[in-house]
Amino acid sequence: MPSFSIWEILFLLCFAVSWPISIVKSLRTKVVIGKSPIFMSLIILGYIFGIIHKLLYYRDIVIWLYVFNATLVATDLILYFVYIKRNREAMKQ
């Protein structure tokens, strides 16, 4: 019997599908107004806590889903900072 939970995997997979949608939208439109860097930072922090929990208590393959998701959110956060200045300047015009 596996030591990981199928529910945890399904939860992480749902997010793993959702974040690329946000990333692609940012790349396609180059519009990030309305996204919250604080929210994305908190999500990354949550994934980091999940990774720490896995390292300390349940070392299993699910840790890679946490790492993957944290990477996706970090990518979206980086895109926010790349495009936000341009978005704010465009709003002033």
C-alpha atoms as a PDB file:
ATOM      1  CA  MET A   1       0.000   0.000   0.000  1.00  0.00           C
ATOM      2  CA  PRO A   2       1.457   3.407  -0.967  1.00  0.00           C
ATOM      3  CA  SER A   3       2.433   5.819   1.774  1.00  0.00           C
ATOM      4  CA  PHE A   4       1.018   8.837  -0.084  1.00  0.00           C
ATOM      5  CA  SER A   5      -2.578   9.919  -0.413  1.00  0.00           C
ATOM      6  CA  ILE A   6      -4.337   9.842  -3.773  1.00  0.00           C
ATOM      7  CA  TRP A   7      -6.318  12.890  -2.581  1.00  0.00           C
ATOM      8  CA  GLU A   8      -3.118  14.839  -2.016  1.00  0.00           C
ATOM      9  CA  ILE A   9      -1.938  13.910  -5.492  1.00  0.00           C
ATOM     10  CA  LEU A  10      -5.258  14.917  -7.084  1.00  0.00           C
ATOM     11  CA  PHE A  11      -5.195  18.218  -5.197  1.00  0.00           C
ATOM     12  CA  LEU A  12      -1.689  19.007  -6.435  1.00  0.00           C
ATOM     13  CA  LEU A  13      -2.494  17.896  -9.985  1.00  0.00           C
ATOM     14  CA  CYS A  14      -5.471  20.261 -10.137  1.00  0.00           C
ATOM     15  CA  PHE A  15      -3.182  23.145  -9.258  1.00  0.00           C
ATOM     16  CA  ALA A  16      -0.526  21.835 -11.650  1.00  0.00           C
ATOM     17  CA  VAL A  17      -3.077  22.202 -14.459  1.00  0.00           C
ATOM     18  CA  SER A  18      -4.363  25.599 -13.301  1.00  0.00           C
ATOM     19  CA  TRP A  19      -1.105  27.541 -13.024  1.00  0.00           C
ATOM     20  CA  PRO A  20       0.041  26.950 -16.619  1.00  0.00           C
ATOM     21  CA  ILE A  21      -3.235  28.490 -17.781  1.00  0.00           C
ATOM     22  CA  SER A  22      -2.373  31.637 -15.848  1.00  0.00           C
ATOM     23  CA  ILE A  23       1.211  31.596 -17.143  1.00  0.00           C
ATOM     24  CA  VAL A  24       0.135  31.199 -20.769  1.00  0.00           C
ATOM     25  CA  LYS A  25      -2.375  34.040 -20.396  1.00  0.00           C
ATOM     26  CA  SER A  26       0.360  36.311 -19.003  1.00  0.00           C
ATOM     27  CA  LEU A  27       2.737  35.385 -21.805  1.00  0.00           C
ATOM     28  CA  ARG A  28       0.098  35.793 -24.503  1.00  0.00           C
ATOM     29  CA  THR A  29      -1.486  39.061 -23.324  1.00  0.00           C
ATOM     30  CA  LYS A  30       1.408  40.503 -21.311  1.00  0.00           C
ATOM     31  CA  VAL A  31      -1.264  41.824 -18.925  1.00  0.00           C
ATOM     32  CA  VAL A  32      -0.816  41.077 -15.220  1.00  0.00           C
ATOM     33  CA  ILE A  33      -3.010  43.809 -13.730  1.00  0.00           C
ATOM     34  CA  GLY A  34      -5.301  42.128 -11.231  1.00  0.00           C
ATOM     35  CA  LYS A  35      -2.815  39.464 -10.214  1.00  0.00           C
ATOM     36  CA  SER A  36      -1.606  39.637  -6.645  1.00  0.00           C
ATOM     37  CA  PRO A  37       2.089  39.125  -5.949  1.00  0.00           C
ATOM     38  CA  ILE A  38       1.287  38.737  -2.245  1.00  0.00           C
ATOM     39  CA  PHE A  39      -1.189  35.956  -3.019  1.00  0.00           C
ATOM     40  CA  MET A  40       1.297  34.170  -5.284  1.00  0.00           C
ATOM     41  CA  SER A  41       4.044  34.553  -2.659  1.00  0.00           C
ATOM     42  CA  LEU A  42       1.794  32.998  -0.024  1.00  0.00           C
ATOM     43  CA  ILE A  43       0.990  30.097  -2.343  1.00  0.00           C
ATOM     44  CA  ILE A  44       4.715  29.512  -2.887  1.00  0.00           C
ATOM     45  CA  LEU A  45       5.253  29.651   0.881  1.00  0.00           C
ATOM     46  CA  GLY A  46       2.510  27.056   1.325  1.00  0.00           C
ATOM     47  CA  TYR A  47       4.218  24.755  -1.159  1.00  0.00           C
ATOM     48  CA  ILE A  48       7.525  25.264   0.657  1.00  0.00           C
ATOM     49  CA  PHE A  49       5.825  24.203   3.895  1.00  0.00           C
ATOM     50  CA  GLY A  50       4.452  21.138   2.074  1.00  0.00           C
ATOM     51  CA  ILE A  51       7.959  20.295   0.877  1.00  0.00           C
ATOM     52  CA  ILE A  52       9.357  20.682   4.400  1.00  0.00           C
ATOM     53  CA  HIS A  53       6.613  18.425   5.754  1.00  0.00           C
ATOM     54  CA  LYS A  54       7.442  15.802   3.139  1.00  0.00           C
ATOM     55  CA  LEU A  55      11.158  16.002   3.914  1.00  0.00           C
ATOM     56  CA  LEU A  56      10.612  15.671   7.664  1.00  0.00           C
ATOM     57  CA  TYR A  57       7.783  13.129   7.862  1.00  0.00           C
ATOM     58  CA  TYR A  58       6.752  11.462   4.594  1.00  0.00           C
ATOM     59  CA  ARG A  59       9.511  11.236   2.025  1.00  0.00           C
ATOM     60  CA  ASP A  60       7.655  10.077  -1.059  1.00  0.00           C
ATOM     61  CA  ILE A  61       7.309  10.976  -4.723  1.00  0.00           C
ATOM     62  CA  VAL A  62       4.581  13.517  -4.016  1.00  0.00           C
ATOM     63  CA  ILE A  63       7.281  15.981  -2.967  1.00  0.00           C
ATOM     64  CA  TRP A  64       8.014  16.484  -6.701  1.00  0.00           C
ATOM     65  CA  LEU A  65       4.460  17.725  -7.260  1.00  0.00           C
ATOM     66  CA  TYR A  66       5.025  20.334  -4.555  1.00  0.00           C
ATOM     67  CA  VAL A  67       8.309  21.361  -6.202  1.00  0.00           C
ATOM     68  CA  PHE A  68       6.694  21.460  -9.655  1.00  0.00           C
ATOM     69  CA  ASN A  69       3.760  23.553  -8.450  1.00  0.00           C
ATOM     70  CA  ALA A  70       6.016  25.954  -6.545  1.00  0.00           C
ATOM     71  CA  THR A  71       8.050  26.374  -9.730  1.00  0.00           C
ATOM     72  CA  LEU A  72       4.921  27.141 -11.743  1.00  0.00           C
ATOM     73  CA  VAL A  73       3.743  29.775  -9.277  1.00  0.00           C
ATOM     74  CA  ALA A  74       7.250  31.267  -9.107  1.00  0.00           C
ATOM     75  CA  THR A  75       7.212  31.526 -12.909  1.00  0.00           C
ATOM     76  CA  ASP A  76       3.881  33.362 -12.787  1.00  0.00           C
ATOM     77  CA  LEU A  77       5.272  35.666 -10.088  1.00  0.00           C
ATOM     78  CA  ILE A  78       8.349  36.440 -12.188  1.00  0.00           C
ATOM     79  CA  LEU A  79       6.107  37.261 -15.154  1.00  0.00           C
ATOM     80  CA  TYR A  80       4.161  39.605 -12.902  1.00  0.00           C
ATOM     81  CA  PHE A  81       7.295  41.599 -12.119  1.00  0.00           C
ATOM     82  CA  VAL A  82       8.437  41.533 -15.751  1.00  0.00           C
ATOM     83  CA  TYR A  83       5.149  42.984 -17.062  1.00  0.00           C
ATOM     84  CA  ILE A  84       3.693  45.101 -14.228  1.00  0.00           C
ATOM     85  CA  LYS A  85       5.686  48.272 -14.949  1.00  0.00           C
ATOM     86  CA  ARG A  86       4.651  48.181 -18.599  1.00  0.00           C
ATOM     87  CA  ASN A  87       1.023  47.572 -17.589  1.00  0.00           C
ATOM     88  CA  ARG A  88       1.004  50.510 -15.181  1.00  0.00           C
ATOM     89  CA  GLU A  89       2.566  52.807 -17.784  1.00  0.00           C
ATOM     90  CA  ALA A  90      -0.037  51.740 -20.353  1.00  0.00           C
ATOM     91  CA  MET A  91      -2.837  52.559 -17.889  1.00  0.00           C
ATOM     92  CA  LYS A  92      -1.519  56.124 -17.455  1.00  0.00           C
ATOM     93  CA  GLN A  93      -1.801  56.879 -21.166  1.00  0.00           C
END
